[in-house]
Full PDB file with SEQRES, HELIX, SHEET, SSBOND, CRYST1, ORIGX, SCALE, CONECT and MASTER records, all heavy atoms in Angstrom:
SEQRES   1 A   39  THR LEU LEU ILE SER GLY GLY LEU VAL GLU LEU GLY LEU          
SEQRES   2 A   39  TRP ARG TYR SER GLN TYR ARG TYR GLN GLU GLU GLN ARG          
SEQRES   3 A   39  PHE LEU ARG ALA GLN ALA TYR GLU MET ARG ALA VAL LEU          
HELIX    1 AA1 LEU A    2  VAL A   38  1                                  37    
CRYST1    1.000    1.000    1.000  90.00  90.00  90.00 P 1           1          
ORIGX1      1.000000  0.000000  0.000000        0.00000                         
ORIGX2      0.000000  1.000000  0.000000        0.00000                         
ORIGX3      0.000000  0.000000  1.000000        0.00000                         
SCALE1      1.000000  0.000000  0.000000        0.00000                         
SCALE2      0.000000  1.000000  0.000000        0.00000                         
SCALE3      0.000000  0.000000  1.000000        0.00000                         
ATOM      1  N   THR A   1       0.832  -1.209   0.000  1.00  0.00           N  
ATOM      2  CA  THR A   1       0.000   0.000   0.000  1.00  0.00           C  
ATOM      3  C   THR A   1       0.862   1.252   0.000  1.00  0.00           C  
ATOM      4  O   THR A   1       0.594   2.225  -0.732  1.00  0.00           O  
ATOM      5  CB  THR A   1      -0.925   0.003   1.228  1.00  0.00           C  
ATOM      6  OG1 THR A   1      -1.750  -1.174   1.209  1.00  0.00           O  
ATOM      7  CG2 THR A   1      -1.808   1.244   1.244  1.00  0.00           C  
ATOM      8  N   LEU A   2       1.915   1.219   0.825  1.00  0.00           N  
ATOM      9  CA  LEU A   2       2.817   2.370   0.895  1.00  0.00           C  
ATOM     10  C   LEU A   2       3.507   2.608  -0.442  1.00  0.00           C  
ATOM     11  O   LEU A   2       3.602   3.743  -0.919  1.00  0.00           O  
ATOM     12  CB  LEU A   2       3.847   2.141   2.003  1.00  0.00           C  
ATOM     13  CG  LEU A   2       4.899   3.249   2.182  1.00  0.00           C  
ATOM     14  CD1 LEU A   2       4.225   4.572   2.547  1.00  0.00           C  
ATOM     15  CD2 LEU A   2       5.916   2.836   3.237  1.00  0.00           C  
ATOM     16  N   LEU A   3       3.970   1.486  -1.057  1.00  0.00           N  
ATOM     17  CA  LEU A   3       4.661   1.633  -2.342  1.00  0.00           C  
ATOM     18  C   LEU A   3       3.711   2.124  -3.425  1.00  0.00           C  
ATOM     19  O   LEU A   3       4.085   2.962  -4.253  1.00  0.00           O  
ATOM     20  CB  LEU A   3       5.292   0.300  -2.753  1.00  0.00           C  
ATOM     21  CG  LEU A   3       6.479  -0.175  -1.890  1.00  0.00           C  
ATOM     22  CD1 LEU A   3       6.954  -1.551  -2.344  1.00  0.00           C  
ATOM     23  CD2 LEU A   3       7.629   0.833  -1.960  1.00  0.00           C  
ATOM     24  N   ILE A   4       2.478   1.580  -3.440  1.00  0.00           N  
ATOM     25  CA  ILE A   4       1.512   2.039  -4.444  1.00  0.00           C  
ATOM     26  C   ILE A   4       1.169   3.508  -4.231  1.00  0.00           C  
ATOM     27  O   ILE A   4       1.126   4.306  -5.183  1.00  0.00           O  
ATOM     28  CB  ILE A   4       0.242   1.168  -4.404  1.00  0.00           C  
ATOM     29  CG1 ILE A   4       0.561  -0.255  -4.878  1.00  0.00           C  
ATOM     30  CG2 ILE A   4      -0.855   1.782  -5.262  1.00  0.00           C  
ATOM     31  CD1 ILE A   4      -0.606  -1.207  -4.759  1.00  0.00           C  
ATOM     32  N   SER A   5       0.914   3.856  -2.961  1.00  0.00           N  
ATOM     33  CA  SER A   5       0.590   5.255  -2.668  1.00  0.00           C  
ATOM     34  C   SER A   5       1.746   6.167  -3.053  1.00  0.00           C  
ATOM     35  O   SER A   5       1.551   7.228  -3.680  1.00  0.00           O  
ATOM     36  CB  SER A   5       0.263   5.421  -1.183  1.00  0.00           C  
ATOM     37  OG  SER A   5      -0.837   4.609  -0.819  1.00  0.00           O  
ATOM     38  N   GLY A   6       2.962   5.750  -2.668  1.00  0.00           N  
ATOM     39  CA  GLY A   6       4.134   6.556  -3.015  1.00  0.00           C  
ATOM     40  C   GLY A   6       4.331   6.640  -4.519  1.00  0.00           C  
ATOM     41  O   GLY A   6       4.692   7.694  -5.053  1.00  0.00           O  
ATOM     42  N   GLY A   7       4.086   5.493  -5.210  1.00  0.00           N  
ATOM     43  CA  GLY A   7       4.211   5.515  -6.672  1.00  0.00           C  
ATOM     44  C   GLY A   7       3.224   6.459  -7.312  1.00  0.00           C  
ATOM     45  O   GLY A   7       3.557   7.181  -8.266  1.00  0.00           O  
ATOM     46  N   LEU A   8       1.964   6.461  -6.805  1.00  0.00           N  
ATOM     47  CA  LEU A   8       0.963   7.379  -7.331  1.00  0.00           C  
ATOM     48  C   LEU A   8       1.355   8.834  -7.079  1.00  0.00           C  
ATOM     49  O   LEU A   8       1.170   9.714  -7.939  1.00  0.00           O  
ATOM     50  CB  LEU A   8      -0.399   7.079  -6.709  1.00  0.00           C  
ATOM     51  CG  LEU A   8      -1.059   5.759  -7.137  1.00  0.00           C  
ATOM     52  CD1 LEU A   8      -2.331   5.525  -6.332  1.00  0.00           C  
ATOM     53  CD2 LEU A   8      -1.362   5.775  -8.631  1.00  0.00           C  
ATOM     54  N   VAL A   9       1.892   9.075  -5.874  1.00  0.00           N  
ATOM     55  CA  VAL A   9       2.345  10.432  -5.560  1.00  0.00           C  
ATOM     56  C   VAL A   9       3.455  10.858  -6.517  1.00  0.00           C  
ATOM     57  O   VAL A   9       3.438  11.960  -7.084  1.00  0.00           O  
ATOM     58  CB  VAL A   9       2.825  10.530  -4.099  1.00  0.00           C  
ATOM     59  CG1 VAL A   9       3.526  11.861  -3.849  1.00  0.00           C  
ATOM     60  CG2 VAL A   9       1.645  10.376  -3.153  1.00  0.00           C  
ATOM     61  N   GLU A  10       4.457   9.971  -6.704  1.00  0.00           N  
ATOM     62  CA  GLU A  10       5.576  10.302  -7.585  1.00  0.00           C  
ATOM     63  C   GLU A  10       5.112  10.487  -9.026  1.00  0.00           C  
ATOM     64  O   GLU A  10       5.594  11.373  -9.737  1.00  0.00           O  
ATOM     65  CB  GLU A  10       6.644   9.209  -7.512  1.00  0.00           C  
ATOM     66  CG  GLU A  10       7.362   9.130  -6.177  1.00  0.00           C  
ATOM     67  CD  GLU A  10       8.136  10.407  -5.876  1.00  0.00           C  
ATOM     68  OE1 GLU A  10       8.608  11.071  -6.832  1.00  0.00           O  
ATOM     69  OE2 GLU A  10       8.274  10.756  -4.688  1.00  0.00           O  
ATOM     70  N   LEU A  11       4.170   9.627  -9.468  1.00  0.00           N  
ATOM     71  CA  LEU A  11       3.650   9.779 -10.825  1.00  0.00           C  
ATOM     72  C   LEU A  11       2.923  11.119 -10.976  1.00  0.00           C  
ATOM     73  O   LEU A  11       3.096  11.826 -11.980  1.00  0.00           O  
ATOM     74  CB  LEU A  11       2.695   8.623 -11.139  1.00  0.00           C  
ATOM     75  CG  LEU A  11       2.008   8.681 -12.511  1.00  0.00           C  
ATOM     76  CD1 LEU A  11       3.046   8.643 -13.632  1.00  0.00           C  
ATOM     77  CD2 LEU A  11       1.009   7.536 -12.655  1.00  0.00           C  
ATOM     78  N   GLY A  12       2.107  11.449  -9.984  1.00  0.00           N  
ATOM     79  CA  GLY A  12       1.402  12.727 -10.048  1.00  0.00           C  
ATOM     80  C   GLY A  12       2.360  13.907 -10.041  1.00  0.00           C  
ATOM     81  O   GLY A  12       2.172  14.868 -10.796  1.00  0.00           O  
ATOM     82  N   LEU A  13       3.394  13.847  -9.203  1.00  0.00           N  
ATOM     83  CA  LEU A  13       4.362  14.946  -9.148  1.00  0.00           C  
ATOM     84  C   LEU A  13       5.149  15.060 -10.442  1.00  0.00           C  
ATOM     85  O   LEU A  13       5.481  16.161 -10.891  1.00  0.00           O  
ATOM     86  CB  LEU A  13       5.307  14.732  -7.967  1.00  0.00           C  
ATOM     87  CG  LEU A  13       4.665  14.904  -6.584  1.00  0.00           C  
ATOM     88  CD1 LEU A  13       5.668  14.529  -5.494  1.00  0.00           C  
ATOM     89  CD2 LEU A  13       4.166  16.322  -6.394  1.00  0.00           C  
ATOM     90  N   TRP A  14       5.458  13.929 -11.059  1.00  0.00           N  
ATOM     91  CA  TRP A  14       6.202  13.962 -12.333  1.00  0.00           C  
ATOM     92  C   TRP A  14       5.357  14.629 -13.422  1.00  0.00           C  
ATOM     93  O   TRP A  14       5.853  15.469 -14.176  1.00  0.00           O  
ATOM     94  CB  TRP A  14       6.578  12.541 -12.749  1.00  0.00           C  
ATOM     95  CG  TRP A  14       7.260  12.495 -14.085  1.00  0.00           C  
ATOM     96  CD1 TRP A  14       8.565  12.744 -14.356  1.00  0.00           C  
ATOM     97  CD2 TRP A  14       6.635  12.194 -15.347  1.00  0.00           C  
ATOM     98  NE1 TRP A  14       8.809  12.629 -15.703  1.00  0.00           N  
ATOM     99  CE2 TRP A  14       7.646  12.297 -16.336  1.00  0.00           C  
ATOM    100  CE3 TRP A  14       5.342  11.863 -15.728  1.00  0.00           C  
ATOM    101  CZ2 TRP A  14       7.384  12.061 -17.685  1.00  0.00           C  
ATOM    102  CZ3 TRP A  14       5.083  11.636 -17.074  1.00  0.00           C  
ATOM    103  CH2 TRP A  14       6.101  11.733 -18.040  1.00  0.00           C  
ATOM    104  N   ARG A  15       4.061  14.249 -13.451  1.00  0.00           N  
ATOM    105  CA  ARG A  15       3.195  14.848 -14.458  1.00  0.00           C  
ATOM    106  C   ARG A  15       3.007  16.346 -14.187  1.00  0.00           C  
ATOM    107  O   ARG A  15       2.933  17.158 -15.123  1.00  0.00           O  
ATOM    108  CB  ARG A  15       1.836  14.148 -14.469  1.00  0.00           C  
ATOM    109  CG  ARG A  15       1.924  12.693 -14.914  1.00  0.00           C  
ATOM    110  CD  ARG A  15       0.575  12.095 -15.184  1.00  0.00           C  
ATOM    111  NE  ARG A  15      -0.113  12.813 -16.252  1.00  0.00           N  
ATOM    112  CZ  ARG A  15      -1.259  12.408 -16.784  1.00  0.00           C  
ATOM    113  NH1 ARG A  15      -1.838  11.296 -16.344  1.00  0.00           N  
ATOM    114  NH2 ARG A  15      -1.836  13.113 -17.734  1.00  0.00           N  
ATOM    115  N   TYR A  16       2.928  16.700 -12.925  1.00  0.00           N  
ATOM    116  CA  TYR A  16       2.811  18.115 -12.580  1.00  0.00           C  
ATOM    117  C   TYR A  16       4.051  18.897 -13.021  1.00  0.00           C  
ATOM    118  O   TYR A  16       3.943  20.003 -13.580  1.00  0.00           O  
ATOM    119  CB  TYR A  16       2.611  18.264 -11.075  1.00  0.00           C  
ATOM    120  CG  TYR A  16       2.817  19.680 -10.573  1.00  0.00           C  
ATOM    121  CD1 TYR A  16       1.937  20.697 -10.918  1.00  0.00           C  
ATOM    122  CD2 TYR A  16       3.902  19.999  -9.756  1.00  0.00           C  
ATOM    123  CE1 TYR A  16       2.118  21.989 -10.474  1.00  0.00           C  
ATOM    124  CE2 TYR A  16       4.101  21.283  -9.312  1.00  0.00           C  
ATOM    125  CZ  TYR A  16       3.209  22.277  -9.663  1.00  0.00           C  
ATOM    126  OH  TYR A  16       3.403  23.554  -9.230  1.00  0.00           O  
ATOM    127  N   SER A  17       5.228  18.324 -12.777  1.00  0.00           N  
ATOM    128  CA  SER A  17       6.459  19.019 -13.176  1.00  0.00           C  
ATOM    129  C   SER A  17       6.523  19.182 -14.690  1.00  0.00           C  
ATOM    130  O   SER A  17       6.982  20.219 -15.202  1.00  0.00           O  
ATOM    131  CB  SER A  17       7.696  18.275 -12.671  1.00  0.00           C  
ATOM    132  OG  SER A  17       7.805  17.003 -13.284  1.00  0.00           O  
ATOM    133  N   GLN A  18       6.045  18.161 -15.442  1.00  0.00           N  
ATOM    134  CA  GLN A  18       6.017  18.284 -16.897  1.00  0.00           C  
ATOM    135  C   GLN A  18       5.048  19.384 -17.338  1.00  0.00           C  
ATOM    136  O   GLN A  18       5.361  20.192 -18.235  1.00  0.00           O  
ATOM    137  CB  GLN A  18       5.611  16.943 -17.525  1.00  0.00           C  
ATOM    138  CG  GLN A  18       6.637  15.833 -17.350  1.00  0.00           C  
ATOM    139  CD  GLN A  18       7.948  16.183 -18.040  1.00  0.00           C  
ATOM    140  OE1 GLN A  18       7.972  16.487 -19.225  1.00  0.00           O  
ATOM    141  NE2 GLN A  18       9.038  16.136 -17.304  1.00  0.00           N  
ATOM    142  N   TYR A  19       3.892  19.402 -16.726  1.00  0.00           N  
ATOM    143  CA  TYR A  19       2.909  20.426 -17.066  1.00  0.00           C  
ATOM    144  C   TYR A  19       3.443  21.827 -16.723  1.00  0.00           C  
ATOM    145  O   TYR A  19       3.309  22.778 -17.513  1.00  0.00           O  
ATOM    146  CB  TYR A  19       1.598  20.163 -16.321  1.00  0.00           C  
ATOM    147  CG  TYR A  19       0.620  21.304 -16.413  1.00  0.00           C  
ATOM    148  CD1 TYR A  19      -0.184  21.454 -17.528  1.00  0.00           C  
ATOM    149  CD2 TYR A  19       0.531  22.238 -15.372  1.00  0.00           C  
ATOM    150  CE1 TYR A  19      -1.078  22.507 -17.621  1.00  0.00           C  
ATOM    151  CE2 TYR A  19      -0.352  23.300 -15.472  1.00  0.00           C  
ATOM    152  CZ  TYR A  19      -1.160  23.424 -16.591  1.00  0.00           C  
ATOM    153  OH  TYR A  19      -2.028  24.483 -16.677  1.00  0.00           O  
ATOM    154  N   ARG A  20       4.029  21.914 -15.528  1.00  0.00           N  
ATOM    155  CA  ARG A  20       4.568  23.204 -15.102  1.00  0.00           C  
ATOM    156  C   ARG A  20       5.660  23.684 -16.047  1.00  0.00           C  
ATOM    157  O   ARG A  20       5.716  24.866 -16.403  1.00  0.00           O  
ATOM    158  CB  ARG A  20       5.117  23.071 -13.681  1.00  0.00           C  
ATOM    159  CG  ARG A  20       5.776  24.332 -13.154  1.00  0.00           C  
ATOM    160  CD  ARG A  20       6.250  24.115 -11.752  1.00  0.00           C  
ATOM    161  NE  ARG A  20       7.267  25.069 -11.388  1.00  0.00           N  
ATOM    162  CZ  ARG A  20       7.969  25.018 -10.275  1.00  0.00           C  
ATOM    163  NH1 ARG A  20       7.745  24.031  -9.422  1.00  0.00           N  
ATOM    164  NH2 ARG A  20       8.874  25.926  -9.999  1.00  0.00           N  
ATOM    165  N   TYR A  21       6.497  22.774 -16.495  1.00  0.00           N  
ATOM    166  CA  TYR A  21       7.549  23.139 -17.442  1.00  0.00           C  
ATOM    167  C   TYR A  21       6.948  23.663 -18.753  1.00  0.00           C  
ATOM    168  O   TYR A  21       7.377  24.689 -19.292  1.00  0.00           O  
ATOM    169  CB  TYR A  21       8.436  21.929 -17.715  1.00  0.00           C  
ATOM    170  CG  TYR A  21       9.369  22.122 -18.884  1.00  0.00           C  
ATOM    171  CD1 TYR A  21      10.522  22.905 -18.761  1.00  0.00           C  
ATOM    172  CD2 TYR A  21       9.098  21.538 -20.118  1.00  0.00           C  
ATOM    173  CE1 TYR A  21      11.363  23.094 -19.838  1.00  0.00           C  
ATOM    174  CE2 TYR A  21       9.941  21.721 -21.191  1.00  0.00           C  
ATOM    175  CZ  TYR A  21      11.072  22.496 -21.050  1.00  0.00           C  
ATOM    176  OH  TYR A  21      11.898  22.684 -22.125  1.00  0.00           O  
ATOM    177  N   GLN A  22       5.935  22.973 -19.268  1.00  0.00           N  
ATOM    178  CA  GLN A  22       5.308  23.392 -20.518  1.00  0.00           C  
ATOM    179  C   GLN A  22       4.641  24.757 -20.379  1.00  0.00           C  
ATOM    180  O   GLN A  22       4.750  25.614 -21.271  1.00  0.00           O  
ATOM    181  CB  GLN A  22       4.289  22.344 -20.967  1.00  0.00           C  
ATOM    182  CG  GLN A  22       4.917  21.015 -21.373  1.00  0.00           C  
ATOM    183  CD  GLN A  22       3.872  19.944 -21.629  1.00  0.00           C  
ATOM    184  OE1 GLN A  22       2.669  20.204 -21.534  1.00  0.00           O  
ATOM    185  NE2 GLN A  22       4.317  18.744 -21.954  1.00  0.00           N  
ATOM    186  N   GLU A  23       3.966  24.978 -19.250  1.00  0.00           N  
ATOM    187  CA  GLU A  23       3.317  26.266 -19.044  1.00  0.00           C  
ATOM    188  C   GLU A  23       4.331  27.387 -18.910  1.00  0.00           C  
ATOM    189  O   GLU A  23       4.142  28.493 -19.435  1.00  0.00           O  
ATOM    190  CB  GLU A  23       2.431  26.201 -17.784  1.00  0.00           C  
ATOM    191  CG  GLU A  23       1.192  25.338 -17.925  1.00  0.00           C  
ATOM    192  CD  GLU A  23       0.254  25.888 -18.975  1.00  0.00           C  
ATOM    193  OE1 GLU A  23      -0.171  27.052 -18.845  1.00  0.00           O  
ATOM    194  OE2 GLU A  23      -0.030  25.160 -19.944  1.00  0.00           O  
ATOM    195  N   GLU A  24       5.424  27.126 -18.218  1.00  0.00           N  
ATOM    196  CA  GLU A  24       6.463  28.142 -18.069  1.00  0.00           C  
ATOM    197  C   GLU A  24       7.118  28.442 -19.411  1.00  0.00           C  
ATOM    198  O   GLU A  24       7.480  29.588 -19.688  1.00  0.00           O  
ATOM    199  CB  GLU A  24       7.498  27.683 -17.047  1.00  0.00           C  
ATOM    200  CG  GLU A  24       6.978  27.721 -15.610  1.00  0.00           C  
ATOM    201  CD  GLU A  24       7.993  27.240 -14.591  1.00  0.00           C  
ATOM    202  OE1 GLU A  24       8.988  26.603 -15.019  1.00  0.00           O  
ATOM    203  OE2 GLU A  24       7.795  27.494 -13.404  1.00  0.00           O  
ATOM    204  N   GLN A  25       7.264  27.403 -20.253  1.00  0.00           N  
ATOM    205  CA  GLN A  25       7.809  27.642 -21.578  1.00  0.00           C  
ATOM    206  C   GLN A  25       6.869  28.519 -22.404  1.00  0.00           C  
ATOM    207  O   GLN A  25       7.319  29.427 -23.114  1.00  0.00           O  
ATOM    208  CB  GLN A  25       8.054  26.307 -22.292  1.00  0.00           C  
ATOM    209  CG  GLN A  25       9.266  25.550 -21.774  1.00  0.00           C  
ATOM    210  CD  GLN A  25      10.562  26.258 -22.107  1.00  0.00           C  
ATOM    211  OE1 GLN A  25      10.916  26.400 -23.272  1.00  0.00           O  
ATOM    212  NE2 GLN A  25      11.289  26.695 -21.089  1.00  0.00           N  
ATOM    213  N   ARG A  26       5.564  28.272 -22.321  1.00  0.00           N  
ATOM    214  CA  ARG A  26       4.603  29.116 -23.034  1.00  0.00           C  
ATOM    215  C   ARG A  26       4.660  30.552 -22.520  1.00  0.00           C  
ATOM    216  O   ARG A  26       4.622  31.521 -23.305  1.00  0.00           O  
ATOM    217  CB  ARG A  26       3.181  28.557 -22.871  1.00  0.00           C  
ATOM    218  CG  ARG A  26       2.941  27.225 -23.561  1.00  0.00           C  
ATOM    219  CD  ARG A  26       1.449  26.889 -23.581  1.00  0.00           C  
ATOM    220  NE  ARG A  26       1.207  25.543 -24.046  1.00  0.00           N  
ATOM    221  CZ  ARG A  26       0.987  24.499 -23.274  1.00  0.00           C  
ATOM    222  NH1 ARG A  26       0.943  24.662 -21.958  1.00  0.00           N  
ATOM    223  NH2 ARG A  26       0.781  23.304 -23.776  1.00  0.00           N  
ATOM    224  N   PHE A  27       4.724  30.677 -21.199  1.00  0.00           N  
ATOM    225  CA  PHE A  27       4.799  32.012 -20.607  1.00  0.00           C  
ATOM    226  C   PHE A  27       6.079  32.734 -21.038  1.00  0.00           C  
ATOM    227  O   PHE A  27       6.045  33.910 -21.427  1.00  0.00           O  
ATOM    228  CB  PHE A  27       4.742  31.889 -19.087  1.00  0.00           C  
ATOM    229  CG  PHE A  27       4.948  33.189 -18.370  1.00  0.00           C  
ATOM    230  CD1 PHE A  27       3.962  34.155 -18.348  1.00  0.00           C  
ATOM    231  CD2 PHE A  27       6.138  33.436 -17.698  1.00  0.00           C  
ATOM    232  CE1 PHE A  27       4.154  35.354 -17.687  1.00  0.00           C  
ATOM    233  CE2 PHE A  27       6.334  34.636 -17.043  1.00  0.00           C  
ATOM    234  CZ  PHE A  27       5.348  35.591 -17.029  1.00  0.00           C  
ATOM    235  N   LEU A  28       7.206  32.021 -20.988  1.00  0.00           N  
ATOM    236  CA  LEU A  28       8.473  32.630 -21.396  1.00  0.00           C  
ATOM    237  C   LEU A  28       8.452  33.032 -22.864  1.00  0.00           C  
ATOM    238  O   LEU A  28       8.980  34.083 -23.244  1.00  0.00           O  
ATOM    239  CB  LEU A  28       9.637  31.662 -21.144  1.00  0.00           C  
ATOM    240  CG  LEU A  28      10.222  31.635 -19.732  1.00  0.00           C  
ATOM    241  CD1 LEU A  28      11.332  30.597 -19.644  1.00  0.00           C  
ATOM    242  CD2 LEU A  28      10.765  33.006 -19.339  1.00  0.00           C  
ATOM    243  N   ARG A  29       7.854  32.188 -23.713  1.00  0.00           N  
ATOM    244  CA  ARG A  29       7.804  32.513 -25.134  1.00  0.00           C  
ATOM    245  C   ARG A  29       6.955  33.771 -25.364  1.00  0.00           C  
ATOM    246  O   ARG A  29       7.320  34.622 -26.185  1.00  0.00           O  
ATOM    247  CB  ARG A  29       7.247  31.334 -25.927  1.00  0.00           C  
ATOM    248  CG  ARG A  29       7.272  31.528 -27.434  1.00  0.00           C  
ATOM    249  CD  ARG A  29       7.126  30.214 -28.169  1.00  0.00           C  
ATOM    250  NE  ARG A  29       8.283  29.370 -27.968  1.00  0.00           N  
ATOM    251  CZ  ARG A  29       9.400  29.455 -28.687  1.00  0.00           C  
ATOM    252  NH1 ARG A  29       9.498  30.364 -29.651  1.00  0.00           N  
ATOM    253  NH2 ARG A  29      10.408  28.660 -28.452  1.00  0.00           N  
ATOM    254  N   ALA A  30       5.844  33.886 -24.643  1.00  0.00           N  
ATOM    255  CA  ALA A  30       5.023  35.093 -24.764  1.00  0.00           C  
ATOM    256  C   ALA A  30       5.817  36.327 -24.330  1.00  0.00           C  
ATOM    257  O   ALA A  30       5.753  37.386 -24.979  1.00  0.00           O  
ATOM    258  CB  ALA A  30       3.749  34.950 -23.939  1.00  0.00           C  
ATOM    259  N   GLN A  31       6.565  36.195 -23.232  1.00  0.00           N  
ATOM    260  CA  GLN A  31       7.393  37.311 -22.772  1.00  0.00           C  
ATOM    261  C   GLN A  31       8.491  37.637 -23.779  1.00  0.00           C  
ATOM    262  O   GLN A  31       8.821  38.812 -24.009  1.00  0.00           O  
ATOM    263  CB  GLN A  31       8.015  36.965 -21.412  1.00  0.00           C  
ATOM    264  CG  GLN A  31       7.024  36.853 -20.270  1.00  0.00           C  
ATOM    265  CD  GLN A  31       6.443  38.200 -19.887  1.00  0.00           C  
ATOM    266  OE1 GLN A  31       7.100  39.223 -19.989  1.00  0.00           O  
ATOM    267  NE2 GLN A  31       5.200  38.202 -19.460  1.00  0.00           N  
ATOM    268  N   ALA A  32       9.074  36.593 -24.393  1.00  0.00           N  
ATOM    269  CA  ALA A  32      10.133  36.803 -25.376  1.00  0.00           C  
ATOM    270  C   ALA A  32       9.607  37.561 -26.587  1.00  0.00           C  
ATOM    271  O   ALA A  32      10.273  38.470 -27.110  1.00  0.00           O  
ATOM    272  CB  ALA A  32      10.732  35.459 -25.802  1.00  0.00           C  
ATOM    273  N   TYR A  33       8.398  37.227 -27.054  1.00  0.00           N  
ATOM    274  CA  TYR A  33       7.813  37.948 -28.184  1.00  0.00           C  
ATOM    275  C   TYR A  33       7.598  39.419 -27.827  1.00  0.00           C  
ATOM    276  O   TYR A  33       7.824  40.313 -28.654  1.00  0.00           O  
ATOM    277  CB  TYR A  33       6.486  37.307 -28.587  1.00  0.00           C  
ATOM    278  CG  TYR A  33       6.641  36.138 -29.527  1.00  0.00           C  
ATOM    279  CD1 TYR A  33       6.318  34.837 -29.121  1.00  0.00           C  
ATOM    280  CD2 TYR A  33       7.102  36.314 -30.829  1.00  0.00           C  
ATOM    281  CE1 TYR A  33       6.466  33.759 -29.982  1.00  0.00           C  
ATOM    282  CE2 TYR A  33       7.251  35.244 -31.693  1.00  0.00           C  
ATOM    283  CZ  TYR A  33       6.931  33.971 -31.273  1.00  0.00           C  
ATOM    284  OH  TYR A  33       7.087  32.904 -32.119  1.00  0.00           O  
ATOM    285  N   GLU A  34       7.169  39.666 -26.594  1.00  0.00           N  
ATOM    286  CA  GLU A  34       6.943  41.048 -26.191  1.00  0.00           C  
ATOM    287  C   GLU A  34       8.257  41.817 -26.098  1.00  0.00           C  
ATOM    288  O   GLU A  34       8.351  42.963 -26.558  1.00  0.00           O  
ATOM    289  CB  GLU A  34       6.211  41.083 -24.849  1.00  0.00           C  
ATOM    290  CG  GLU A  34       5.866  42.489 -24.406  1.00  0.00           C  
ATOM    291  CD  GLU A  34       5.046  42.509 -23.135  1.00  0.00           C  
ATOM    292  OE1 GLU A  34       4.553  41.431 -22.731  1.00  0.00           O  
ATOM    293  OE2 GLU A  34       4.908  43.588 -22.552  1.00  0.00           O  
ATOM    294  N   MET A  35       9.295  41.193 -25.518  1.00  0.00           N  
ATOM    295  CA  MET A  35      10.592  41.874 -25.409  1.00  0.00           C  
ATOM    296  C   MET A  35      11.177  42.114 -26.796  1.00  0.00           C  
ATOM    297  O   MET A  35      11.808  43.153 -27.047  1.00  0.00           O  
ATOM    298  CB  MET A  35      11.549  41.030 -24.570  1.00  0.00           C  
ATOM    299  CG  MET A  35      11.128  40.844 -23.112  1.00  0.00           C  
ATOM    300  SD  MET A  35      10.928  42.408 -22.206  1.00  0.00           S  
ATOM    301  CE  MET A  35      12.609  43.014 -22.223  1.00  0.00           C  
ATOM    302  N   ARG A  36      10.987  41.173 -27.724  1.00  0.00           N  
ATOM    303  CA  ARG A  36      11.485  41.382 -29.087  1.00  0.00           C  
ATOM    304  C   ARG A  36      10.758  42.553 -29.751  1.00  0.00           C  
ATOM    305  O   ARG A  36      11.375  43.361 -30.461  1.00  0.00           O  
ATOM    306  CB  ARG A  36      11.312  40.117 -29.922  1.00  0.00           C  
ATOM    307  CG  ARG A  36      11.897  40.259 -31.336  1.00  0.00           C  
ATOM    308  CD  ARG A  36      11.851  38.979 -32.124  1.00  0.00           C  
ATOM    309  NE  ARG A  36      10.501  38.608 -32.510  1.00  0.00           N  
ATOM    310  CZ  ARG A  36      10.223  37.608 -33.340  1.00  0.00           C  
ATOM    311  NH1 ARG A  36      11.211  36.881 -33.856  1.00  0.00           N  
ATOM    312  NH2 ARG A  36       8.979  37.303 -33.634  1.00  0.00           N  
ATOM    313  N   ALA A  37       9.448  42.662 -29.514  1.00  0.00           N  
ATOM    314  CA  ALA A  37       8.688  43.775 -30.089  1.00  0.00           C  
ATOM    315  C   ALA A  37       9.200  45.111 -29.560  1.00  0.00           C  
ATOM    316  O   ALA A  37       9.308  46.087 -30.315  1.00  0.00           O  
ATOM    317  CB  ALA A  37       7.198  43.605 -29.774  1.00  0.00           C  
ATOM    318  N   VAL A  38       9.517  45.173 -28.271  1.00  0.00           N  
ATOM    319  CA  VAL A  38      10.054  46.406 -27.687  1.00  0.00           C  
ATOM    320  C   VAL A  38      11.404  46.741 -28.308  1.00  0.00           C  
ATOM    321  O   VAL A  38      11.668  47.897 -28.686  1.00  0.00           O  
ATOM    322  CB  VAL A  38      10.183  46.268 -26.156  1.00  0.00           C  
ATOM    323  CG1 VAL A  38      10.913  47.478 -25.566  1.00  0.00           C  
ATOM    324  CG2 VAL A  38       8.818  46.115 -25.510  1.00  0.00           C  
ATOM    325  N   LEU A  39      12.287  45.739 -28.440  1.00  0.00           N  
ATOM    326  CA  LEU A  39      13.612  45.957 -29.028  1.00  0.00           C  
ATOM    327  C   LEU A  39      13.488  46.480 -30.454  1.00  0.00           C  
ATOM    328  O   LEU A  39      14.138  47.469 -30.834  1.00  0.00           O  
ATOM    329  CB  LEU A  39      14.407  44.643 -29.003  1.00  0.00           C  
ATOM    330  CG  LEU A  39      15.751  44.643 -29.751  1.00  0.00           C  
ATOM    331  CD1 LEU A  39      16.710  45.653 -29.148  1.00  0.00           C  
ATOM    332  CD2 LEU A  39      16.361  43.246 -29.744  1.00  0.00           C  
TER     333      LEU A  39                                                      
MASTER        0    0    0    1    0    0    0    6  332    1    0    3          
END                                                                             
């Protein structure tokens, strides 16, 4: 039970980190387009 619970937690955290990375990349790209427009 502990291993399954821990595995589910780790799987959820891994998926969250992937999602967070993708969202931050989208956010950074939007900021990059704006900074390029200013330049």
